[in-house]
N, C-alpha and C. Protein backbone atom coordinates (compact mmCIF):
# COMPACT_ATOMS: atom_id res chain seq x y z
N MET A 1 60.77 142.34 -21.33
CA MET A 1 59.83 142.94 -20.44
C MET A 1 59.84 142.28 -19.21
N LYS A 2 59.87 140.99 -19.26
CA LYS A 2 59.90 140.08 -17.89
C LYS A 2 61.05 140.55 -17.07
N LEU A 3 62.33 140.63 -17.77
CA LEU A 3 63.42 141.10 -17.04
C LEU A 3 63.29 142.33 -16.55
N ALA A 4 62.74 143.30 -17.11
CA ALA A 4 62.48 144.66 -16.41
C ALA A 4 61.46 144.56 -15.25
N MET A 5 60.32 143.89 -15.32
CA MET A 5 59.52 143.70 -14.36
C MET A 5 60.26 143.09 -13.09
N TYR A 6 61.11 142.05 -13.43
CA TYR A 6 61.82 141.17 -12.39
C TYR A 6 62.80 142.06 -11.71
N THR A 7 63.48 143.01 -12.33
CA THR A 7 64.44 144.01 -11.94
C THR A 7 63.70 145.07 -11.07
N LEU A 8 62.59 145.48 -11.56
CA LEU A 8 61.64 146.45 -10.92
C LEU A 8 61.11 145.91 -9.40
N ALA A 9 60.92 144.70 -9.43
CA ALA A 9 60.39 144.00 -8.30
C ALA A 9 61.51 143.80 -7.31
N LEU A 10 62.66 143.43 -7.78
CA LEU A 10 63.89 143.33 -6.81
C LEU A 10 64.31 144.73 -6.28
N THR A 11 64.17 145.63 -7.00
CA THR A 11 64.53 147.18 -6.64
C THR A 11 63.64 147.51 -5.52
N ALA A 12 62.16 147.26 -5.84
CA ALA A 12 61.28 147.67 -4.86
C ALA A 12 61.42 146.87 -3.50
N LEU A 13 61.71 145.45 -3.62
CA LEU A 13 61.84 144.85 -2.45
C LEU A 13 62.94 145.15 -1.62
N ALA A 14 64.19 145.60 -2.44
CA ALA A 14 65.27 146.11 -1.61
C ALA A 14 65.03 147.47 -1.06
N ALA A 15 64.24 148.22 -1.69
CA ALA A 15 63.89 149.55 -1.10
C ALA A 15 63.10 149.49 0.20
N LEU A 16 62.19 148.47 0.04
CA LEU A 16 61.33 148.15 1.32
C LEU A 16 62.11 147.56 2.39
N THR A 17 63.06 146.82 2.21
CA THR A 17 63.79 146.17 3.36
C THR A 17 65.02 147.03 3.82
N GLN A 18 65.25 147.97 3.08
CA GLN A 18 66.40 148.88 3.47
C GLN A 18 66.09 149.50 4.73
N PRO A 19 65.05 150.26 4.93
CA PRO A 19 64.96 150.92 6.17
C PRO A 19 64.84 149.93 7.32
N ALA A 20 64.17 148.80 7.06
CA ALA A 20 64.29 147.81 8.17
C ALA A 20 65.59 147.35 8.57
N ARG A 21 66.46 147.19 7.60
CA ARG A 21 67.86 146.89 7.97
C ARG A 21 68.65 148.03 8.55
N ALA A 22 68.35 149.24 8.17
CA ALA A 22 69.02 150.49 8.78
C ALA A 22 68.40 150.56 10.21
N GLY A 23 67.10 150.39 10.34
CA GLY A 23 66.63 150.39 11.72
C GLY A 23 67.24 149.31 12.67
N GLU A 24 67.52 148.22 12.20
CA GLU A 24 68.12 147.18 12.95
C GLU A 24 69.49 147.53 13.34
N CYS A 25 70.17 147.93 12.35
CA CYS A 25 71.61 148.47 12.54
C CYS A 25 71.70 149.67 13.81
N ALA A 26 70.70 150.55 13.64
CA ALA A 26 70.59 151.55 14.54
C ALA A 26 70.30 151.05 15.90
N LYS A 27 69.39 150.08 15.93
CA LYS A 27 68.99 149.53 17.30
C LYS A 27 70.25 148.76 17.72
N SER A 28 70.92 148.07 16.92
CA SER A 28 72.12 147.24 17.41
C SER A 28 73.21 148.27 17.81
N ARG A 29 73.47 149.52 17.21
CA ARG A 29 74.40 150.38 17.75
C ARG A 29 74.04 151.01 19.04
N VAL A 30 72.74 151.16 19.18
CA VAL A 30 72.29 151.81 20.53
C VAL A 30 72.43 150.64 21.61
N ALA A 31 72.01 149.41 21.41
CA ALA A 31 72.24 148.52 22.22
C ALA A 31 73.75 148.23 22.77
N GLN A 32 74.63 148.42 21.66
CA GLN A 32 75.90 148.31 21.81
C GLN A 32 76.59 149.44 22.80
N ALA A 33 76.13 150.55 22.50
CA ALA A 33 76.37 151.83 23.45
C ALA A 33 75.98 151.75 24.94
N GLN A 34 74.79 151.12 24.91
CA GLN A 34 74.26 150.93 26.26
C GLN A 34 74.97 149.90 27.02
N ARG A 35 75.49 148.85 26.37
CA ARG A 35 76.33 147.84 26.96
C ARG A 35 77.68 148.48 27.45
N HIS A 36 78.08 149.26 26.41
CA HIS A 36 79.46 149.91 26.72
C HIS A 36 79.26 150.82 27.89
N TYR A 37 78.27 151.74 28.14
CA TYR A 37 77.89 152.60 29.07
C TYR A 37 77.76 151.88 30.51
N VAL A 38 77.02 150.75 30.47
CA VAL A 38 76.86 149.92 31.68
C VAL A 38 78.30 149.28 32.17
N ALA A 39 79.04 148.93 31.18
CA ALA A 39 80.30 148.36 31.75
C ALA A 39 81.17 149.41 32.14
N ALA A 40 81.38 150.50 31.51
CA ALA A 40 82.10 151.79 31.92
C ALA A 40 81.65 152.22 33.29
N GLU A 41 80.34 152.12 33.58
CA GLU A 41 79.82 152.43 34.98
C GLU A 41 80.32 151.47 35.93
N ALA A 42 80.23 150.18 35.63
CA ALA A 42 80.63 149.17 36.52
C ALA A 42 82.08 149.07 36.88
N GLU A 43 82.90 149.59 35.85
CA GLU A 43 84.42 149.82 35.97
C GLU A 43 84.80 151.11 36.70
N LYS A 44 83.86 152.12 36.59
CA LYS A 44 84.17 153.42 37.29
C LYS A 44 84.54 153.28 38.79
N PRO A 45 85.60 153.59 39.13
CA PRO A 45 85.91 153.60 40.60
C PRO A 45 85.02 154.31 41.48
N LYS A 46 84.71 153.60 42.62
CA LYS A 46 83.85 154.20 43.48
C LYS A 46 84.44 154.79 44.77
N THR A 47 83.65 155.65 45.50
CA THR A 47 84.39 156.23 46.59
C THR A 47 84.28 155.33 47.69
N ILE A 48 85.02 155.70 48.95
CA ILE A 48 85.17 154.85 49.92
C ILE A 48 83.75 154.47 50.55
N VAL A 49 82.90 155.33 50.73
CA VAL A 49 81.55 155.02 51.16
C VAL A 49 80.72 154.09 50.17
N GLU A 50 80.71 154.45 48.75
CA GLU A 50 80.11 153.58 47.96
C GLU A 50 80.72 152.25 47.97
N THR A 51 81.99 152.11 48.12
CA THR A 51 82.67 150.72 48.11
C THR A 51 82.21 150.00 49.35
N ALA A 52 82.34 150.63 50.58
CA ALA A 52 81.88 149.89 51.76
C ALA A 52 80.45 149.69 51.67
N ALA A 53 79.72 150.39 51.30
CA ALA A 53 78.14 150.17 51.18
C ALA A 53 77.88 148.99 50.23
N GLY A 54 78.68 148.81 49.36
CA GLY A 54 78.60 147.52 48.48
C GLY A 54 79.06 146.24 48.94
N ILE A 55 79.50 146.43 50.21
CA ILE A 55 80.08 145.03 50.80
C ILE A 55 79.38 144.71 51.96
N GLU A 56 78.52 143.70 51.91
CA GLU A 56 77.70 143.30 53.11
C GLU A 56 78.31 143.39 54.58
N ASP A 57 79.58 142.90 54.49
CA ASP A 57 80.40 142.80 55.72
C ASP A 57 80.83 144.01 56.39
N PHE A 58 80.44 145.10 55.79
CA PHE A 58 80.69 146.50 56.23
C PHE A 58 79.27 147.16 56.69
N SER A 59 78.15 146.57 56.66
CA SER A 59 76.94 147.14 56.90
C SER A 59 77.03 147.84 58.32
N THR A 60 77.62 147.41 59.25
CA THR A 60 77.68 148.16 60.68
C THR A 60 78.55 149.35 60.63
N LEU A 61 79.64 149.35 59.77
CA LEU A 61 80.49 150.44 59.66
C LEU A 61 79.69 151.54 58.94
N VAL A 62 79.00 151.11 57.66
CA VAL A 62 78.31 152.21 56.98
C VAL A 62 77.16 152.89 57.85
N ALA A 63 76.55 151.92 58.71
CA ALA A 63 75.45 152.57 59.59
C ALA A 63 76.04 153.61 60.57
N ALA A 64 77.30 153.19 61.08
CA ALA A 64 77.98 154.15 61.94
C ALA A 64 78.44 155.58 61.20
N VAL A 65 78.86 155.26 59.88
CA VAL A 65 79.30 156.57 59.17
C VAL A 65 78.01 157.33 58.91
N LYS A 66 76.82 156.77 58.70
CA LYS A 66 75.66 157.47 58.49
C LYS A 66 75.32 158.12 59.75
N ALA A 67 75.39 157.53 60.86
CA ALA A 67 74.90 158.19 62.15
C ALA A 67 75.97 159.08 62.61
N GLY A 68 77.08 159.11 62.07
CA GLY A 68 78.04 160.13 62.35
C GLY A 68 78.15 161.38 61.41
N ASP A 69 77.20 161.31 60.54
CA ASP A 69 77.27 162.29 59.50
C ASP A 69 78.60 162.34 58.73
N LEU A 70 79.21 161.35 58.49
CA LEU A 70 80.53 161.30 57.89
C LEU A 70 80.38 160.78 56.34
N VAL A 71 79.30 160.58 55.80
CA VAL A 71 79.17 160.10 54.42
C VAL A 71 79.76 161.19 53.58
N LYS A 72 79.36 162.53 53.63
CA LYS A 72 79.83 163.42 52.62
C LYS A 72 81.36 163.62 52.79
N THR A 73 81.72 163.57 53.93
CA THR A 73 83.32 163.72 54.05
C THR A 73 84.08 162.66 53.46
N LEU A 74 83.58 161.30 53.74
CA LEU A 74 84.44 160.30 53.17
C LEU A 74 84.02 159.91 51.78
N SER A 75 82.98 160.74 51.26
CA SER A 75 82.71 160.68 49.89
C SER A 75 83.42 161.74 49.03
N GLY A 76 84.04 162.54 49.82
CA GLY A 76 84.75 163.75 49.32
C GLY A 76 86.20 163.39 48.54
N LYS A 77 86.67 164.36 48.08
CA LYS A 77 88.04 164.24 47.24
C LYS A 77 88.96 163.45 47.88
N GLY A 78 89.22 163.53 49.20
CA GLY A 78 90.31 162.92 49.93
C GLY A 78 91.71 163.24 49.36
N PRO A 79 92.60 162.35 49.31
CA PRO A 79 92.48 160.95 49.57
C PRO A 79 92.54 160.63 50.99
N PHE A 80 91.85 159.51 51.33
CA PHE A 80 91.79 158.97 52.64
C PHE A 80 92.31 157.59 52.76
N THR A 81 92.82 157.05 53.80
CA THR A 81 93.16 155.67 54.10
C THR A 81 92.21 155.26 55.23
N VAL A 82 91.44 154.31 55.09
CA VAL A 82 90.37 153.90 56.06
C VAL A 82 90.77 152.42 56.53
N PHE A 83 91.01 152.18 57.82
CA PHE A 83 91.19 150.98 58.42
C PHE A 83 89.72 150.67 58.79
N ALA A 84 89.19 149.72 57.94
CA ALA A 84 87.68 149.48 58.07
C ALA A 84 87.37 148.24 58.72
N PRO A 85 86.70 148.17 60.12
CA PRO A 85 86.36 147.03 60.74
C PRO A 85 85.12 146.43 60.14
N THR A 86 85.08 145.13 60.10
CA THR A 86 84.18 144.22 59.55
C THR A 86 82.89 144.20 60.60
N ASN A 87 81.81 143.53 60.25
CA ASN A 87 80.74 143.44 61.12
C ASN A 87 81.20 142.54 62.34
N GLU A 88 82.04 141.62 61.92
CA GLU A 88 82.37 140.55 63.02
C GLU A 88 83.21 141.30 64.03
N ALA A 89 84.04 142.44 63.58
CA ALA A 89 84.91 143.15 64.46
C ALA A 89 84.01 143.96 65.53
N PHE A 90 83.08 144.55 64.93
CA PHE A 90 82.04 145.40 65.75
C PHE A 90 81.44 144.49 66.69
N ALA A 91 81.05 143.18 66.29
CA ALA A 91 80.50 142.13 67.26
C ALA A 91 81.33 141.85 68.45
N LYS A 92 82.62 142.09 68.28
CA LYS A 92 83.61 141.69 69.44
C LYS A 92 83.60 142.98 70.55
N LEU A 93 82.85 143.94 70.28
CA LEU A 93 82.74 145.00 71.28
C LEU A 93 81.77 144.37 72.40
N PRO A 94 81.90 145.03 73.62
CA PRO A 94 80.81 144.47 74.56
C PRO A 94 79.37 144.72 74.12
N LYS A 95 78.40 143.92 74.56
CA LYS A 95 77.25 143.87 74.13
C LYS A 95 76.58 145.28 74.31
N GLY A 96 75.97 145.74 73.22
CA GLY A 96 75.13 147.07 73.38
C GLY A 96 75.94 148.29 73.16
N THR A 97 77.35 147.97 72.99
CA THR A 97 78.18 149.22 72.75
C THR A 97 77.77 149.93 71.25
N VAL A 98 77.62 149.01 70.27
CA VAL A 98 77.31 149.68 68.92
C VAL A 98 75.94 150.44 69.08
N GLU A 99 74.91 149.86 69.56
CA GLU A 99 73.76 150.42 69.62
C GLU A 99 73.82 151.75 70.40
N ASP A 100 74.54 151.83 71.44
CA ASP A 100 74.71 153.08 72.22
C ASP A 100 75.44 154.03 71.46
N LEU A 101 76.52 153.75 70.84
CA LEU A 101 77.30 154.57 69.90
C LEU A 101 76.47 155.14 68.79
N LEU A 102 75.51 154.49 68.27
CA LEU A 102 74.51 154.98 67.11
C LEU A 102 73.59 156.02 67.52
N LYS A 103 73.30 156.25 68.92
CA LYS A 103 72.35 157.15 69.52
C LYS A 103 72.72 158.62 69.24
N PRO A 104 71.85 159.46 68.88
CA PRO A 104 72.15 160.80 68.60
C PRO A 104 73.12 161.54 69.78
N GLU A 105 72.66 161.21 70.95
CA GLU A 105 73.41 161.77 72.13
C GLU A 105 74.97 161.44 72.18
N ASN A 106 75.34 160.26 71.52
CA ASN A 106 76.76 159.85 71.53
C ASN A 106 77.56 160.09 70.16
N LYS A 107 76.99 160.88 69.45
CA LYS A 107 77.43 161.27 68.12
C LYS A 107 78.98 161.85 68.13
N GLU A 108 79.32 162.63 69.14
CA GLU A 108 80.63 162.99 69.18
C GLU A 108 81.79 161.96 69.54
N LYS A 109 81.29 160.96 70.42
CA LYS A 109 82.19 159.82 70.66
C LYS A 109 82.22 158.93 69.40
N LEU A 110 81.04 158.64 68.84
CA LEU A 110 81.11 157.87 67.54
C LEU A 110 82.04 158.46 66.48
N VAL A 111 81.95 159.84 66.43
CA VAL A 111 82.77 160.47 65.27
C VAL A 111 84.21 160.46 65.62
N ALA A 112 84.52 160.41 67.02
CA ALA A 112 85.98 160.19 67.34
C ALA A 112 86.48 158.87 67.03
N ILE A 113 85.61 157.88 67.35
CA ILE A 113 86.01 156.62 66.98
C ILE A 113 86.38 156.21 65.44
N LEU A 114 85.32 156.72 64.95
CA LEU A 114 85.22 156.62 63.38
C LEU A 114 86.56 157.34 62.68
N THR A 115 86.70 158.50 63.12
CA THR A 115 87.79 159.35 62.54
C THR A 115 89.26 158.80 62.97
N TYR A 116 89.28 158.05 64.01
CA TYR A 116 90.48 157.42 64.56
C TYR A 116 90.78 156.16 63.47
N HIS A 117 89.75 155.68 62.66
CA HIS A 117 90.06 154.77 61.76
C HIS A 117 90.59 155.34 60.40
N VAL A 118 90.68 156.65 60.33
CA VAL A 118 91.02 157.27 59.01
C VAL A 118 92.21 158.04 59.11
N VAL A 119 93.19 157.88 58.11
CA VAL A 119 94.44 158.65 58.01
C VAL A 119 94.42 159.31 56.69
N PRO A 120 94.81 160.62 56.82
CA PRO A 120 94.84 161.53 55.55
C PRO A 120 95.80 160.94 54.56
N GLY A 121 95.52 160.93 53.09
CA GLY A 121 96.41 160.54 52.25
C GLY A 121 96.09 158.97 51.78
N LYS A 122 96.66 158.65 50.68
CA LYS A 122 96.32 157.28 50.23
C LYS A 122 97.55 156.38 50.58
N VAL A 123 97.53 155.63 51.62
CA VAL A 123 98.70 154.81 52.17
C VAL A 123 98.45 153.16 51.72
N MET A 124 99.05 152.90 50.69
CA MET A 124 98.91 151.36 50.29
C MET A 124 99.75 150.53 51.24
N ALA A 125 99.43 149.16 51.15
CA ALA A 125 100.12 148.25 52.03
C ALA A 125 101.58 148.42 51.93
N ALA A 126 102.18 148.57 50.76
CA ALA A 126 103.60 148.68 50.60
C ALA A 126 104.13 149.73 51.40
N ASP A 127 103.42 150.83 51.60
CA ASP A 127 103.82 151.94 52.38
C ASP A 127 103.58 151.89 53.91
N VAL A 128 102.47 151.24 54.17
CA VAL A 128 101.92 151.04 55.62
C VAL A 128 103.07 150.30 56.36
N VAL A 129 103.77 149.37 55.78
CA VAL A 129 104.65 148.53 56.50
C VAL A 129 106.00 149.28 56.58
N LYS A 130 106.09 150.35 56.08
CA LYS A 130 107.36 151.27 56.33
C LYS A 130 107.20 152.14 57.41
N VAL A 131 106.19 152.26 58.15
CA VAL A 131 105.95 153.27 59.24
C VAL A 131 105.66 152.64 60.49
N LYS A 132 106.01 153.33 61.54
CA LYS A 132 105.64 152.78 62.95
C LYS A 132 104.48 153.38 63.41
N GLU A 133 103.96 154.60 62.98
CA GLU A 133 102.84 154.97 63.45
C GLU A 133 102.22 156.09 62.43
N ALA A 134 100.92 156.29 62.50
CA ALA A 134 100.31 157.20 61.56
C ALA A 134 99.18 158.01 62.39
N LYS A 135 99.27 159.33 61.96
CA LYS A 135 98.41 160.29 62.63
C LYS A 135 96.99 160.25 61.91
N THR A 136 95.96 159.99 62.80
CA THR A 136 94.61 159.88 62.34
C THR A 136 93.91 161.15 62.07
N VAL A 137 92.76 161.17 61.47
CA VAL A 137 91.95 162.32 61.27
C VAL A 137 91.51 162.79 62.72
N GLN A 138 91.31 161.97 63.50
CA GLN A 138 90.74 162.22 64.89
C GLN A 138 91.90 163.07 65.70
N GLY A 139 93.14 162.86 65.42
CA GLY A 139 94.15 163.67 66.09
C GLY A 139 95.22 162.59 66.70
N ASP A 140 94.75 161.56 67.32
CA ASP A 140 95.84 160.59 67.92
C ASP A 140 96.57 159.75 66.76
N LYS A 141 97.57 158.99 67.15
CA LYS A 141 98.32 158.20 66.15
C LYS A 141 98.01 156.93 66.52
N VAL A 142 97.84 156.02 65.53
CA VAL A 142 97.84 154.42 65.42
C VAL A 142 99.19 153.96 65.44
N GLN A 143 99.36 152.98 66.14
CA GLN A 143 100.77 152.22 65.95
C GLN A 143 100.65 151.14 64.87
N VAL A 144 101.68 151.01 64.10
CA VAL A 144 101.77 150.18 63.12
C VAL A 144 102.95 149.28 63.37
N THR A 145 102.61 147.92 63.36
CA THR A 145 103.47 146.80 63.56
C THR A 145 103.45 145.74 62.54
N VAL A 146 104.79 145.31 62.02
CA VAL A 146 104.70 144.18 61.12
C VAL A 146 105.54 143.11 61.65
N LYS A 147 104.92 141.90 61.66
CA LYS A 147 105.48 140.67 62.25
C LYS A 147 105.23 139.40 61.51
N ASP A 148 106.03 138.67 60.86
CA ASP A 148 105.76 137.50 60.15
C ASP A 148 104.70 137.71 59.15
N ASP A 149 104.92 138.75 58.33
CA ASP A 149 103.94 139.05 57.25
C ASP A 149 102.59 139.44 57.73
N GLU A 150 102.42 139.80 58.96
CA GLU A 150 100.97 140.35 59.57
C GLU A 150 101.26 141.71 59.88
N VAL A 151 100.33 142.66 59.41
CA VAL A 151 100.36 144.01 59.75
C VAL A 151 99.31 144.10 60.87
N MET A 152 99.66 144.87 61.92
CA MET A 152 98.71 145.23 62.89
C MET A 152 98.65 146.78 62.88
N ILE A 153 97.46 147.19 63.18
CA ILE A 153 97.11 148.70 63.37
C ILE A 153 96.63 148.72 64.81
N ASP A 154 97.42 149.32 65.84
CA ASP A 154 97.10 149.18 67.08
C ASP A 154 97.07 147.69 67.44
N LYS A 155 95.86 147.07 67.83
CA LYS A 155 95.76 145.56 68.09
C LYS A 155 94.94 145.05 67.01
N ALA A 156 94.57 145.65 65.99
CA ALA A 156 93.69 144.97 64.84
C ALA A 156 94.61 144.63 63.84
N LYS A 157 94.32 143.36 63.43
CA LYS A 157 95.09 142.81 62.27
C LYS A 157 94.56 143.27 61.00
N VAL A 158 95.34 143.53 60.08
CA VAL A 158 94.81 143.79 58.50
C VAL A 158 94.67 142.51 57.87
N VAL A 159 93.35 142.15 57.59
CA VAL A 159 92.92 140.87 57.04
C VAL A 159 92.74 140.96 55.42
N LYS A 160 92.76 142.12 54.99
CA LYS A 160 92.66 142.49 53.56
C LYS A 160 93.04 143.84 53.12
N ALA A 161 94.23 143.99 52.41
CA ALA A 161 94.75 145.27 52.13
C ALA A 161 94.45 145.80 50.74
N ASP A 162 94.50 147.07 50.49
CA ASP A 162 94.63 147.78 49.21
C ASP A 162 93.30 147.58 48.46
N VAL A 163 92.15 147.79 49.12
CA VAL A 163 90.87 147.96 48.35
C VAL A 163 90.79 149.32 47.83
N GLU A 164 91.14 149.50 46.66
CA GLU A 164 91.31 150.84 46.00
C GLU A 164 89.92 151.41 45.73
N CYS A 165 89.81 152.72 46.00
CA CYS A 165 88.74 153.54 45.80
C CYS A 165 89.04 154.72 44.96
N SER A 166 88.05 155.41 44.55
CA SER A 166 88.38 156.69 43.76
C SER A 166 89.04 157.87 44.49
N ASN A 167 88.75 157.81 45.93
CA ASN A 167 89.24 158.81 46.77
C ASN A 167 90.11 158.29 47.83
N GLY A 168 90.82 157.16 47.74
CA GLY A 168 91.57 156.60 48.69
C GLY A 168 91.71 155.19 48.69
N VAL A 169 91.94 154.51 49.90
CA VAL A 169 92.04 153.05 49.91
C VAL A 169 91.55 152.64 51.23
N ILE A 170 90.94 151.32 51.20
CA ILE A 170 90.39 150.66 52.44
C ILE A 170 91.37 149.53 52.71
N HIS A 171 91.82 149.50 53.98
CA HIS A 171 92.43 148.16 54.62
C HIS A 171 91.46 147.68 55.48
N VAL A 172 91.04 146.27 55.31
CA VAL A 172 90.17 145.74 56.03
C VAL A 172 90.74 145.15 57.52
N ILE A 173 90.01 145.38 58.61
CA ILE A 173 90.82 144.98 59.89
C ILE A 173 89.73 144.14 60.66
N ASP A 174 90.34 143.40 61.65
CA ASP A 174 89.37 142.38 62.33
C ASP A 174 89.11 142.81 63.71
N SER A 175 89.32 144.23 64.12
CA SER A 175 88.86 144.71 65.49
C SER A 175 88.59 146.27 65.13
N VAL A 176 87.80 146.65 66.13
CA VAL A 176 87.42 148.18 66.09
C VAL A 176 88.55 148.93 66.76
N LEU A 177 89.19 149.84 66.12
CA LEU A 177 90.19 150.73 66.96
C LEU A 177 89.52 151.70 67.66
N LEU A 178 90.13 151.80 68.93
CA LEU A 178 89.53 152.71 69.97
C LEU A 178 90.66 153.73 70.39
N PRO A 179 90.48 155.11 70.38
CA PRO A 179 91.33 155.97 70.71
C PRO A 179 91.66 155.88 72.16
N LYS A 180 92.81 156.31 72.50
CA LYS A 180 93.19 156.18 73.85
C LYS A 180 92.46 157.12 74.75
C-alpha cells in the first residue's frame, strides 16, 4: 500500500510539473526564434539610403538626399553605384554652400550634384579600376584614374570601396564631385 501511495504521489507530481516544463520549453523556443529573427534582420542587406543613414559620417549626404527628394529613388531596386562624400568632404566646400544647396529654391542644382555622384549599375572596385570614365545618372561623365593603388573619381579620392548594399554599392570619397 505504501508503495502504491508513493507511486501515485510521484505520478501526481510528474503530472503537475509537466505543464510547467512544457511551458518553459515553449518559452525557450519562442525566445530562440526571436533571437534568430533579430539576427536575420541584422544580417539583412540594407539599401543605399539605409546604409548611409546608419553611418554618422554620411549625415550631411543623407540630409541632402532627403532635401533633393531622392530617398525613394536611391532606396529603389537599382542597382546603383554611389560615390558618397563624407561630412568632412562637404565641409571642404566654401562656407554656406551646403546650407544654400539645401534650400528649396536650389533643389534642381542639389539634385544635379547628387545624381552626379551616382552611376547606374553595381560597379565594384575591381571593375572601377578598369574604366577611364563612367556616365552618371546626372548625364555627365566622371573621370576615373588609378595611380599608385589610389583610385580617383574626378578629383575625389576613394577612401573606402565596396560597401555593399541590397540595391548597389557605395564607394566613400573625400571630396564632393561637382558637375562641369
